[in-house]
Structure formats: structure tokens, C-alpha cells
């Protein structure tokens, strides 16, 4: 497992150990390659993955996936785990999430 930090003034952007031989994962492991990457690199990755360049993101901010009680339980868990960290990540597996909501 590898924790990646881009520059000394930036926080870790995550753990990428499980993606070691993934498509263009060298960008995640080498800060100099990542900082030199361009939009053409991103377009190339998208092409290699067979994505549709005309695709768009759809947001439904008023839709509800979880009820108020489940949301409150998740918020409570995040609040209890946060501890004021600048870079906070709460990892849950499917079973943990199901037991909460």
C-alpha cells in the first residue's frame, strides 16, 4: 500500500496500493509525472477506457437515497470519527454500511 503526497504543502491524496498495475497508475505513484500530465493525457485515458467523450454528469440534488434516520446515523458516525483532521476519510465496507443504514 502506498500513500501519495503530491507536494510538501499538499496533503495525501489517498492510498493507491491496490491499483499498482492499473491503467496509467504511474501518474498516482510519481508526483512529477502527475504534475506534468495534461488534459490530453486525461483524454487518452478516457479513450483507452472506451468512455464516451460526449457523456456528462447528472446530479439530482433533491433526490433521496437514504431516509432521515439513516442520514443522521451516518452523520453521527462521521462526526464521532472526524477528530478535526484536515484530510479525513471514513472507510466502510458494504456490511458496515448496511448495518448502519
PDB file of N, CA and C in Angstrom:
ATOM      1  N   UNK A   1       0.852  -1.181   0.000  1.00  0.00           N
ATOM      2  CA  UNK A   1       0.000   0.000   0.000  1.00  0.00           C
ATOM      3  C   UNK A   1       0.888   1.232   0.000  1.00  0.00           C
ATOM      4  N   UNK A   2       0.493   2.234  -0.764  1.00  0.00           N
ATOM      5  CA  UNK A   2       1.287   3.448  -0.879  1.00  0.00           C
ATOM      6  C   UNK A   2       0.411   4.656  -0.623  1.00  0.00           C
ATOM      7  N   UNK A   3       0.893   5.569   0.217  1.00  0.00           N
ATOM      8  CA  UNK A   3       0.218   6.842   0.437  1.00  0.00           C
ATOM      9  C   UNK A   3       0.904   7.864  -0.457  1.00  0.00           C
ATOM     10  N   UNK A   4       0.156   8.598  -1.244  1.00  0.00           N
ATOM     11  CA  UNK A   4       0.727   9.541  -2.198  1.00  0.00           C
ATOM     12  C   UNK A   4       0.528  10.955  -1.707  1.00  0.00           C
ATOM     13  N   UNK A   5       1.614  11.719  -1.643  1.00  0.00           N
ATOM     14  CA  UNK A   5       1.544  13.141  -1.344  1.00  0.00           C
ATOM     15  C   UNK A   5       2.193  13.868  -2.508  1.00  0.00           C
ATOM     16  N   UNK A   6       1.469  14.791  -3.122  1.00  0.00           N
ATOM     17  CA  UNK A   6       1.974  15.449  -4.322  1.00  0.00           C
ATOM     18  C   UNK A   6       3.103  16.426  -4.034  1.00  0.00           C
ATOM     19  N   UNK A   7       2.918  17.309  -3.113  1.00  0.00           N
ATOM     20  CA  UNK A   7       3.925  18.289  -2.753  1.00  0.00           C
ATOM     21  C   UNK A   7       3.894  18.432  -1.245  1.00  0.00           C
ATOM     22  N   UNK A   8       4.948  18.983  -0.686  1.00  0.00           N
ATOM     23  CA  UNK A   8       5.011  19.097   0.761  1.00  0.00           C
ATOM     24  C   UNK A   8       3.887  19.947   1.340  1.00  0.00           C
ATOM     25  N   UNK A   9       3.359  20.904   0.564  1.00  0.00           N
ATOM     26  CA  UNK A   9       2.291  21.747   1.081  1.00  0.00           C
ATOM     27  C   UNK A   9       0.903  21.157   0.851  1.00  0.00           C
ATOM     28  N   UNK A  10       0.823  19.999   0.198  1.00  0.00           N
ATOM     29  CA  UNK A  10      -0.461  19.343  -0.023  1.00  0.00           C
ATOM     30  C   UNK A  10      -0.560  18.104   0.843  1.00  0.00           C
ATOM     31  N   UNK A  11      -1.755  17.750   1.190  1.00  0.00           N
ATOM     32  CA  UNK A  11      -1.989  16.549   1.991  1.00  0.00           C
ATOM     33  C   UNK A  11      -2.018  15.323   1.087  1.00  0.00           C
ATOM     34  N   UNK A  12      -1.973  14.158   1.683  1.00  0.00           N
ATOM     35  CA  UNK A  12      -2.069  12.912   0.934  1.00  0.00           C
ATOM     36  C   UNK A  12      -3.355  12.883   0.138  1.00  0.00           C
ATOM     37  N   UNK A  13      -3.273  12.379  -1.095  1.00  0.00           N
ATOM     38  CA  UNK A  13      -4.489  12.274  -1.902  1.00  0.00           C
ATOM     39  C   UNK A  13      -5.059  10.873  -1.857  1.00  0.00           C
ATOM     40  N   UNK A  14      -4.474   9.991  -1.064  1.00  0.00           N
ATOM     41  CA  UNK A  14      -5.068   8.681  -0.905  1.00  0.00           C
ATOM     42  C   UNK A  14      -4.089   7.534  -0.970  1.00  0.00           C
ATOM     43  N   UNK A  15      -4.623   6.346  -0.840  1.00  0.00           N
ATOM     44  CA  UNK A  15      -3.853   5.123  -0.871  1.00  0.00           C
ATOM     45  C   UNK A  15      -4.139   4.420  -2.192  1.00  0.00           C
ATOM     46  N   UNK A  16      -3.102   4.107  -2.938  1.00  0.00           N
ATOM     47  CA  UNK A  16      -3.280   3.536  -4.265  1.00  0.00           C
ATOM     48  C   UNK A  16      -2.625   2.178  -4.418  1.00  0.00           C
ATOM     49  N   UNK A  17      -2.318   1.504  -3.327  1.00  0.00           N
ATOM     50  CA  UNK A  17      -1.637   0.224  -3.389  1.00  0.00           C
ATOM     51  C   UNK A  17      -2.390  -0.834  -4.167  1.00  0.00           C
ATOM     52  N   UNK A  18      -3.706  -0.795  -4.150  1.00  0.00           N
ATOM     53  CA  UNK A  18      -4.479  -1.821  -4.843  1.00  0.00           C
ATOM     54  C   UNK A  18      -4.605  -1.533  -6.334  1.00  0.00           C
ATOM     55  N   UNK A  19      -4.032  -0.430  -6.798  1.00  0.00           N
ATOM     56  CA  UNK A  19      -4.134  -0.052  -8.203  1.00  0.00           C
ATOM     57  C   UNK A  19      -2.771  -0.067  -8.891  1.00  0.00           C
ATOM     58  N   UNK A  20      -1.827  -0.820  -8.341  1.00  0.00           N
ATOM     59  CA  UNK A  20      -0.445  -0.772  -8.800  1.00  0.00           C
ATOM     60  C   UNK A  20      -0.294  -0.950 -10.302  1.00  0.00           C
ATOM     61  N   UNK A  21      -0.952  -1.887 -10.911  1.00  0.00           N
ATOM     62  CA  UNK A  21      -0.786  -2.105 -12.346  1.00  0.00           C
ATOM     63  C   UNK A  21      -1.995  -1.663 -13.157  1.00  0.00           C
ATOM     64  N   UNK A  22      -2.772  -0.746 -12.607  1.00  0.00           N
ATOM     65  CA  UNK A  22      -3.936  -0.226 -13.312  1.00  0.00           C
ATOM     66  C   UNK A  22      -3.500   0.741 -14.404  1.00  0.00           C
ATOM     67  N   UNK A  23      -4.412   0.997 -15.307  1.00  0.00           N
ATOM     68  CA  UNK A  23      -4.178   1.906 -16.418  1.00  0.00           C
ATOM     69  C   UNK A  23      -3.638   3.241 -15.926  1.00  0.00           C
ATOM     70  N   UNK A  24      -2.486   3.623 -16.368  1.00  0.00           N
ATOM     71  CA  UNK A  24      -1.808   4.887 -16.055  1.00  0.00           C
ATOM     72  C   UNK A  24      -1.627   5.141 -14.562  1.00  0.00           C
ATOM     73  N   UNK A  25      -1.512   4.070 -13.769  1.00  0.00           N
ATOM     74  CA  UNK A  25      -1.331   4.229 -12.324  1.00  0.00           C
ATOM     75  C   UNK A  25      -0.006   4.895 -11.984  1.00  0.00           C
ATOM     76  N   UNK A  26       0.912   4.918 -12.932  1.00  0.00           N
ATOM     77  CA  UNK A  26       2.185   5.605 -12.672  1.00  0.00           C
ATOM     78  C   UNK A  26       1.965   7.078 -12.351  1.00  0.00           C
ATOM     79  N   UNK A  27       0.861   7.648 -12.836  1.00  0.00           N
ATOM     80  CA  UNK A  27       0.545   9.034 -12.508  1.00  0.00           C
ATOM     81  C   UNK A  27       0.256   9.197 -11.020  1.00  0.00           C
ATOM     82  N   UNK A  28      -0.286   8.155 -10.395  1.00  0.00           N
ATOM     83  CA  UNK A  28      -0.603   8.213  -8.972  1.00  0.00           C
ATOM     84  C   UNK A  28       0.635   7.995  -8.110  1.00  0.00           C
ATOM     85  N   UNK A  29       1.617   7.306  -8.650  1.00  0.00           N
ATOM     86  CA  UNK A  29       2.802   6.947  -7.880  1.00  0.00           C
ATOM     87  C   UNK A  29       3.984   7.890  -8.089  1.00  0.00           C
ATOM     88  N   UNK A  30       3.938   8.723  -9.097  1.00  0.00           N
ATOM     89  CA  UNK A  30       5.067   9.610  -9.397  1.00  0.00           C
ATOM     90  C   UNK A  30       4.573  11.051  -9.499  1.00  0.00           C
ATOM     91  N   UNK A  31       4.788  11.844  -8.450  1.00  0.00           N
ATOM     92  CA  UNK A  31       4.300  13.225  -8.450  1.00  0.00           C
ATOM     93  C   UNK A  31       4.786  14.052  -9.638  1.00  0.00           C
ATOM     94  N   UNK A  32       5.994  13.791 -10.140  1.00  0.00           N
ATOM     95  CA  UNK A  32       6.487  14.575 -11.271  1.00  0.00           C
ATOM     96  C   UNK A  32       5.705  14.254 -12.544  1.00  0.00           C
ATOM     97  N   UNK A  33       5.332  12.979 -12.725  1.00  0.00           N
ATOM     98  CA  UNK A  33       4.505  12.622 -13.878  1.00  0.00           C
ATOM     99  C   UNK A  33       3.116  13.231 -13.762  1.00  0.00           C
ATOM    100  N   UNK A  34       2.562  13.180 -12.557  1.00  0.00           N
ATOM    101  CA  UNK A  34       1.224  13.736 -12.349  1.00  0.00           C
ATOM    102  C   UNK A  34       1.214  15.241 -12.591  1.00  0.00           C
ATOM    103  N   UNK A  35       2.212  15.943 -12.086  1.00  0.00           N
ATOM    104  CA  UNK A  35       2.224  17.398 -12.257  1.00  0.00           C
ATOM    105  C   UNK A  35       2.467  17.786 -13.719  1.00  0.00           C
ATOM    106  N   UNK A  36       3.081  16.892 -14.505  1.00  0.00           N
ATOM    107  CA  UNK A  36       3.317  17.169 -15.924  1.00  0.00           C
ATOM    108  C   UNK A  36       2.158  16.719 -16.807  1.00  0.00           C
ATOM    109  N   UNK A  37       1.190  16.005 -16.238  1.00  0.00           N
ATOM    110  CA  UNK A  37       0.063  15.493 -17.021  1.00  0.00           C
ATOM    111  C   UNK A  37      -0.791  16.642 -17.556  1.00  0.00           C
ATOM    112  N   UNK A  38      -1.357  16.429 -18.725  1.00  0.00           N
ATOM    113  CA  UNK A  38      -2.166  17.458 -19.381  1.00  0.00           C
ATOM    114  C   UNK A  38      -3.572  16.930 -19.628  1.00  0.00           C
ATOM    115  N   UNK A  39      -4.415  17.792 -20.149  1.00  0.00           N
ATOM    116  CA  UNK A  39      -5.767  17.358 -20.493  1.00  0.00           C
ATOM    117  C   UNK A  39      -5.722  16.304 -21.605  1.00  0.00           C
ATOM    118  N   UNK A  40      -4.700  16.333 -22.442  1.00  0.00           N
ATOM    119  CA  UNK A  40      -4.548  15.306 -23.473  1.00  0.00           C
ATOM    120  C   UNK A  40      -4.295  13.934 -22.845  1.00  0.00           C
ATOM    121  N   UNK A  41      -3.555  13.911 -21.742  1.00  0.00           N
ATOM    122  CA  UNK A  41      -3.351  12.649 -21.021  1.00  0.00           C
ATOM    123  C   UNK A  41      -4.681  12.122 -20.509  1.00  0.00           C
ATOM    124  N   UNK A  42      -5.489  13.007 -19.936  1.00  0.00           N
ATOM    125  CA  UNK A  42      -6.806  12.604 -19.428  1.00  0.00           C
ATOM    126  C   UNK A  42      -7.689  12.102 -20.563  1.00  0.00           C
ATOM    127  N   UNK A  43      -7.642  12.770 -21.703  1.00  0.00           N
ATOM    128  CA  UNK A  43      -8.431  12.333 -22.856  1.00  0.00           C
ATOM    129  C   UNK A  43      -7.956  10.966 -23.349  1.00  0.00           C
ATOM    130  N   UNK A  44      -6.648  10.739 -23.315  1.00  0.00           N
ATOM    131  CA  UNK A  44      -6.106   9.448 -23.727  1.00  0.00           C
ATOM    132  C   UNK A  44      -6.560   8.328 -22.816  1.00  0.00           C
ATOM    133  N   UNK A  45      -6.581   8.593 -21.512  1.00  0.00           N
ATOM    134  CA  UNK A  45      -7.056   7.591 -20.552  1.00  0.00           C
ATOM    135  C   UNK A  45      -8.530   7.292 -20.820  1.00  0.00           C
ATOM    136  N   UNK A  46      -9.307   8.326 -21.046  1.00  0.00           N
ATOM    137  CA  UNK A  46     -10.736   8.143 -21.327  1.00  0.00           C
ATOM    138  C   UNK A  46     -10.931   7.296 -22.587  1.00  0.00           C
ATOM    139  N   UNK A  47     -10.123   7.568 -23.641  1.00  0.00           N
ATOM    140  CA  UNK A  47     -10.219   6.775 -24.867  1.00  0.00           C
ATOM    141  C   UNK A  47      -9.861   5.315 -24.609  1.00  0.00           C
ATOM    142  N   UNK A  48      -8.762   5.083 -23.835  1.00  0.00           N
ATOM    143  CA  UNK A  48      -8.340   3.710 -23.530  1.00  0.00           C
ATOM    144  C   UNK A  48      -9.414   2.943 -22.768  1.00  0.00           C
ATOM    145  N   UNK A  49     -10.196   3.653 -21.961  1.00  0.00           N
ATOM    146  CA  UNK A  49     -11.265   3.019 -21.194  1.00  0.00           C
ATOM    147  C   UNK A  49     -12.548   2.872 -21.999  1.00  0.00           C
ATOM    148  N   UNK A  50     -12.551   3.422 -23.207  1.00  0.00           N
ATOM    149  CA  UNK A  50     -13.722   3.317 -24.059  1.00  0.00           C
ATOM    150  C   UNK A  50     -14.872   4.210 -23.635  1.00  0.00           C
ATOM    151  N   UNK A  51     -14.567   5.305 -22.960  1.00  0.00           N
ATOM    152  CA  UNK A  51     -15.644   6.185 -22.499  1.00  0.00           C
ATOM    153  C   UNK A  51     -16.151   7.062 -23.639  1.00  0.00           C
ATOM    154  N   UNK A  52     -17.321   7.594 -23.462  1.00  0.00           N
ATOM    155  CA  UNK A  52     -17.945   8.464 -24.441  1.00  0.00           C
ATOM    156  C   UNK A  52     -17.576   9.911 -24.109  1.00  0.00           C
ATOM    157  N   UNK A  53     -16.818  10.591 -24.974  1.00  0.00           N
ATOM    158  CA  UNK A  53     -16.404  11.965 -24.667  1.00  0.00           C
ATOM    159  C   UNK A  53     -17.573  12.945 -24.594  1.00  0.00           C
ATOM    160  N   UNK A  54     -18.731  12.540 -25.084  1.00  0.00           N
ATOM    161  CA  UNK A  54     -19.915  13.407 -25.015  1.00  0.00           C
ATOM    162  C   UNK A  54     -20.722  13.171 -23.745  1.00  0.00           C
ATOM    163  N   UNK A  55     -20.296  12.210 -22.936  1.00  0.00           N
ATOM    164  CA  UNK A  55     -21.019  11.890 -21.705  1.00  0.00           C
ATOM    165  C   UNK A  55     -20.971  13.076 -20.749  1.00  0.00           C
ATOM    166  N   UNK A  56     -21.936  13.142 -19.869  1.00  0.00           N
ATOM    167  CA  UNK A  56     -21.971  14.218 -18.892  1.00  0.00           C
ATOM    168  C   UNK A  56     -22.390  13.662 -17.543  1.00  0.00           C
ATOM    169  N   UNK A  57     -22.189  14.460 -16.548  1.00  0.00           N
ATOM    170  CA  UNK A  57     -22.548  14.100 -15.187  1.00  0.00           C
ATOM    171  C   UNK A  57     -23.959  14.601 -14.915  1.00  0.00           C
ATOM    172  N   UNK A  58     -24.762  13.776 -14.292  1.00  0.00           N
ATOM    173  CA  UNK A  58     -26.121  14.168 -13.951  1.00  0.00           C
ATOM    174  C   UNK A  58     -26.242  14.206 -12.425  1.00  0.00           C
ATOM    175  N   UNK A  59     -26.705  15.304 -11.917  1.00  0.00           N
ATOM    176  CA  UNK A  59     -26.884  15.464 -10.483  1.00  0.00           C
ATOM    177  C   UNK A  59     -28.366  15.594 -10.173  1.00  0.00           C
ATOM    178  N   UNK A  60     -28.793  14.948  -9.118  1.00  0.00           N
ATOM    179  CA  UNK A  60     -30.191  15.050  -8.680  1.00  0.00           C
ATOM    180  C   UNK A  60     -30.177  15.450  -7.209  1.00  0.00           C
ATOM    181  N   UNK A  61     -29.883  16.731  -6.934  1.00  0.00           N
ATOM    182  CA  UNK A  61     -29.687  17.172  -5.553  1.00  0.00           C
ATOM    183  C   UNK A  61     -30.910  17.047  -4.656  1.00  0.00           C
ATOM    184  N   UNK A  62     -32.091  16.945  -5.229  1.00  0.00           N
ATOM    185  CA  UNK A  62     -33.280  16.834  -4.393  1.00  0.00           C
ATOM    186  C   UNK A  62     -33.733  15.391  -4.189  1.00  0.00           C
ATOM    187  N   UNK A  63     -33.084  14.444  -4.882  1.00  0.00           N
ATOM    188  CA  UNK A  63     -33.474  13.040  -4.699  1.00  0.00           C
ATOM    189  C   UNK A  63     -32.889  12.521  -3.382  1.00  0.00           C
ATOM    190  N   UNK A  64     -33.554  11.563  -2.800  1.00  0.00           N
ATOM    191  CA  UNK A  64     -33.135  10.999  -1.519  1.00  0.00           C
ATOM    192  C   UNK A  64     -32.909   9.503  -1.676  1.00  0.00           C
ATOM    193  N   UNK A  65     -31.700   9.083  -1.358  1.00  0.00           N
ATOM    194  CA  UNK A  65     -31.365   7.659  -1.404  1.00  0.00           C
ATOM    195  C   UNK A  65     -31.579   7.042  -0.033  1.00  0.00           C
ATOM    196  N   UNK A  66     -31.269   7.815   1.002  1.00  0.00           N
ATOM    197  CA  UNK A  66     -31.423   7.351   2.377  1.00  0.00           C
ATOM    198  C   UNK A  66     -32.465   8.203   3.092  1.00  0.00           C
ATOM    199  N   UNK A  67     -33.129   7.600   4.041  1.00  0.00           N
ATOM    200  CA  UNK A  67     -34.072   8.333   4.865  1.00  0.00           C
ATOM    201  C   UNK A  67     -33.350   9.201   5.883  1.00  0.00           C
ATOM    202  N   UNK A  68     -34.102  10.028   6.564  1.00  0.00           N
ATOM    203  CA  UNK A  68     -33.534  10.961   7.543  1.00  0.00           C
ATOM    204  C   UNK A  68     -32.803  10.234   8.668  1.00  0.00           C
ATOM    205  N   UNK A  69     -33.357   9.106   9.152  1.00  0.00           N
ATOM    206  CA  UNK A  69     -32.712   8.361  10.243  1.00  0.00           C
ATOM    207  C   UNK A  69     -31.365   7.799   9.813  1.00  0.00           C
ATOM    208  N   UNK A  70     -31.312   7.222   8.610  1.00  0.00           N
ATOM    209  CA  UNK A  70     -30.056   6.654   8.109  1.00  0.00           C
ATOM    210  C   UNK A  70     -29.022   7.753   7.895  1.00  0.00           C
ATOM    211  N   UNK A  71     -29.453   8.895   7.353  1.00  0.00           N
ATOM    212  CA  UNK A  71     -28.536  10.026   7.167  1.00  0.00           C
ATOM    213  C   UNK A  71     -28.004  10.513   8.508  1.00  0.00           C
ATOM    214  N   UNK A  72     -28.871  10.600   9.497  1.00  0.00           N
ATOM    215  CA  UNK A  72     -28.454  11.043  10.829  1.00  0.00           C
ATOM    216  C   UNK A  72     -27.442  10.080  11.434  1.00  0.00           C
ATOM    217  N   UNK A  73     -27.649   8.784  11.228  1.00  0.00           N
ATOM    218  CA  UNK A  73     -26.699   7.792  11.755  1.00  0.00           C
ATOM    219  C   UNK A  73     -25.336   7.927  11.083  1.00  0.00           C
ATOM    220  N   UNK A  74     -25.320   8.111   9.773  1.00  0.00           N
ATOM    221  CA  UNK A  74     -24.052   8.292   9.061  1.00  0.00           C
ATOM    222  C   UNK A  74     -23.356   9.579   9.503  1.00  0.00           C
ATOM    223  N   UNK A  75     -24.127  10.659   9.626  1.00  0.00           N
ATOM    224  CA  UNK A  75     -23.544  11.928  10.087  1.00  0.00           C
ATOM    225  C   UNK A  75     -22.961  11.794  11.484  1.00  0.00           C
ATOM    226  N   UNK A  76     -23.656  11.084  12.337  1.00  0.00           N
ATOM    227  CA  UNK A  76     -23.168  10.863  13.699  1.00  0.00           C
ATOM    228  C   UNK A  76     -21.866  10.076  13.694  1.00  0.00           C
ATOM    229  N   UNK A  77     -21.795   9.049  12.856  1.00  0.00           N
ATOM    230  CA  UNK A  77     -20.577   8.248  12.765  1.00  0.00           C
ATOM    231  C   UNK A  77     -19.406   9.082  12.244  1.00  0.00           C
ATOM    232  N   UNK A  78     -19.664   9.907  11.229  1.00  0.00           N
ATOM    233  CA  UNK A  78     -18.614  10.778  10.694  1.00  0.00           C
ATOM    234  C   UNK A  78     -18.168  11.771  11.759  1.00  0.00           C
ATOM    235  N   UNK A  79     -19.109  12.393  12.441  1.00  0.00           N
ATOM    236  CA  UNK A  79     -18.765  13.356  13.486  1.00  0.00           C
ATOM    237  C   UNK A  79     -17.925  12.716  14.573  1.00  0.00           C
ATOM    238  N   UNK A  80     -18.261  11.490  14.966  1.00  0.00           N
ATOM    239  CA  UNK A  80     -17.519  10.799  16.023  1.00  0.00           C
ATOM    240  C   UNK A  80     -16.121  10.395  15.566  1.00  0.00           C
ATOM    241  N   UNK A  81     -15.936  10.163  14.271  1.00  0.00           N
ATOM    242  CA  UNK A  81     -14.658   9.695  13.744  1.00  0.00           C
ATOM    243  C   UNK A  81     -13.750  10.820  13.264  1.00  0.00           C
ATOM    244  N   UNK A  82     -14.302  11.980  12.980  1.00  0.00           N
ATOM    245  CA  UNK A  82     -13.578  13.071  12.329  1.00  0.00           C
ATOM    246  C   UNK A  82     -12.364  13.536  13.117  1.00  0.00           C
ATOM    247  N   UNK A  83     -12.528  13.969  14.307  1.00  0.00           N
ATOM    248  CA  UNK A  83     -11.405  14.386  15.152  1.00  0.00           C
ATOM    249  C   UNK A  83     -10.627  15.590  14.661  1.00  0.00           C
ATOM    250  N   UNK A  84     -11.172  16.407  13.780  1.00  0.00           N
ATOM    251  CA  UNK A  84     -10.506  17.631  13.348  1.00  0.00           C
ATOM    252  C   UNK A  84      -9.395  17.440  12.339  1.00  0.00           C
ATOM    253  N   UNK A  85      -9.267  16.270  11.752  1.00  0.00           N
ATOM    254  CA  UNK A  85      -8.204  16.022  10.775  1.00  0.00           C
ATOM    255  C   UNK A  85      -8.464  16.825   9.497  1.00  0.00           C
ATOM    256  N   UNK A  86      -7.386  17.375   8.917  1.00  0.00           N
ATOM    257  CA  UNK A  86      -7.528  18.149   7.682  1.00  0.00           C
ATOM    258  C   UNK A  86      -7.893  17.256   6.503  1.00  0.00           C
ATOM    259  N   UNK A  87      -7.394  16.044   6.496  1.00  0.00           N
ATOM    260  CA  UNK A  87      -7.659  15.109   5.403  1.00  0.00           C
ATOM    261  C   UNK A  87      -8.363  13.906   6.006  1.00  0.00           C
ATOM    262  N   UNK A  88      -9.682  13.899   5.956  1.00  0.00           N
ATOM    263  CA  UNK A  88     -10.471  12.881   6.633  1.00  0.00           C
ATOM    264  C   UNK A  88     -11.090  11.920   5.642  1.00  0.00           C
ATOM    265  N   UNK A  89     -10.985  10.647   5.951  1.00  0.00           N
ATOM    266  CA  UNK A  89     -11.601   9.612   5.121  1.00  0.00           C
ATOM    267  C   UNK A  89     -12.162   8.556   6.057  1.00  0.00           C
ATOM    268  N   UNK A  90     -13.422   8.239   5.894  1.00  0.00           N
ATOM    269  CA  UNK A  90     -14.054   7.189   6.683  1.00  0.00           C
ATOM    270  C   UNK A  90     -14.302   6.012   5.754  1.00  0.00           C
ATOM    271  N   UNK A  91     -13.615   4.915   5.998  1.00  0.00           N
ATOM    272  CA  UNK A  91     -13.762   3.730   5.150  1.00  0.00           C
ATOM    273  C   UNK A  91     -14.767   2.778   5.768  1.00  0.00           C
ATOM    274  N   UNK A  92     -15.740   2.373   4.966  1.00  0.00           N
ATOM    275  CA  UNK A  92     -16.747   1.405   5.391  1.00  0.00           C
ATOM    276  C   UNK A  92     -16.852   0.332   4.320  1.00  0.00           C
ATOM    277  N   UNK A  93     -16.956  -0.908   4.759  1.00  0.00           N
ATOM    278  CA  UNK A  93     -17.239  -1.941   3.766  1.00  0.00           C
ATOM    279  C   UNK A  93     -18.760  -2.048   3.638  1.00  0.00           C
ATOM    280  N   UNK A  94     -19.217  -2.828   2.699  1.00  0.00           N
ATOM    281  CA  UNK A  94     -20.659  -2.925   2.433  1.00  0.00           C
ATOM    282  C   UNK A  94     -21.419  -3.399   3.665  1.00  0.00           C
ATOM    283  N   UNK A  95     -20.888  -4.400   4.353  1.00  0.00           N
ATOM    284  CA  UNK A  95     -21.583  -4.925   5.540  1.00  0.00           C
ATOM    285  C   UNK A  95     -21.716  -3.850   6.629  1.00  0.00           C
ATOM    286  N   UNK A  96     -20.667  -3.058   6.833  1.00  0.00           N
ATOM    287  CA  UNK A  96     -20.725  -1.989   7.833  1.00  0.00           C
ATOM    288  C   UNK A  96     -21.784  -0.944   7.447  1.00  0.00           C
ATOM    289  N   UNK A  97     -21.773  -0.574   6.177  1.00  0.00           N
ATOM    290  CA  UNK A  97     -22.752   0.407   5.712  1.00  0.00           C
ATOM    291  C   UNK A  97     -24.184  -0.117   5.873  1.00  0.00           C
ATOM    292  N   UNK A  98     -24.390  -1.360   5.497  1.00  0.00           N
ATOM    293  CA  UNK A  98     -25.731  -1.949   5.626  1.00  0.00           C
ATOM    294  C   UNK A  98     -26.175  -1.966   7.080  1.00  0.00           C
ATOM    295  N   UNK A  99     -25.268  -2.282   7.994  1.00  0.00           N
ATOM    296  CA  UNK A  99     -25.652  -2.328   9.404  1.00  0.00           C
ATOM    297  C   UNK A  99     -25.991  -0.944   9.958  1.00  0.00           C
ATOM    298  N   UNK A 100     -25.431   0.101   9.375  1.00  0.00           N
ATOM    299  CA  UNK A 100     -25.702   1.467   9.827  1.00  0.00           C
ATOM    300  C   UNK A 100     -27.034   1.969   9.284  1.00  0.00           C
ATOM    301  N   UNK A 101     -27.258   1.734   8.009  1.00  0.00           N
ATOM    302  CA  UNK A 101     -28.449   2.286   7.380  1.00  0.00           C
ATOM    303  C   UNK A 101     -29.544   1.233   7.272  1.00  0.00           C
TER     304      UNK A 101
END
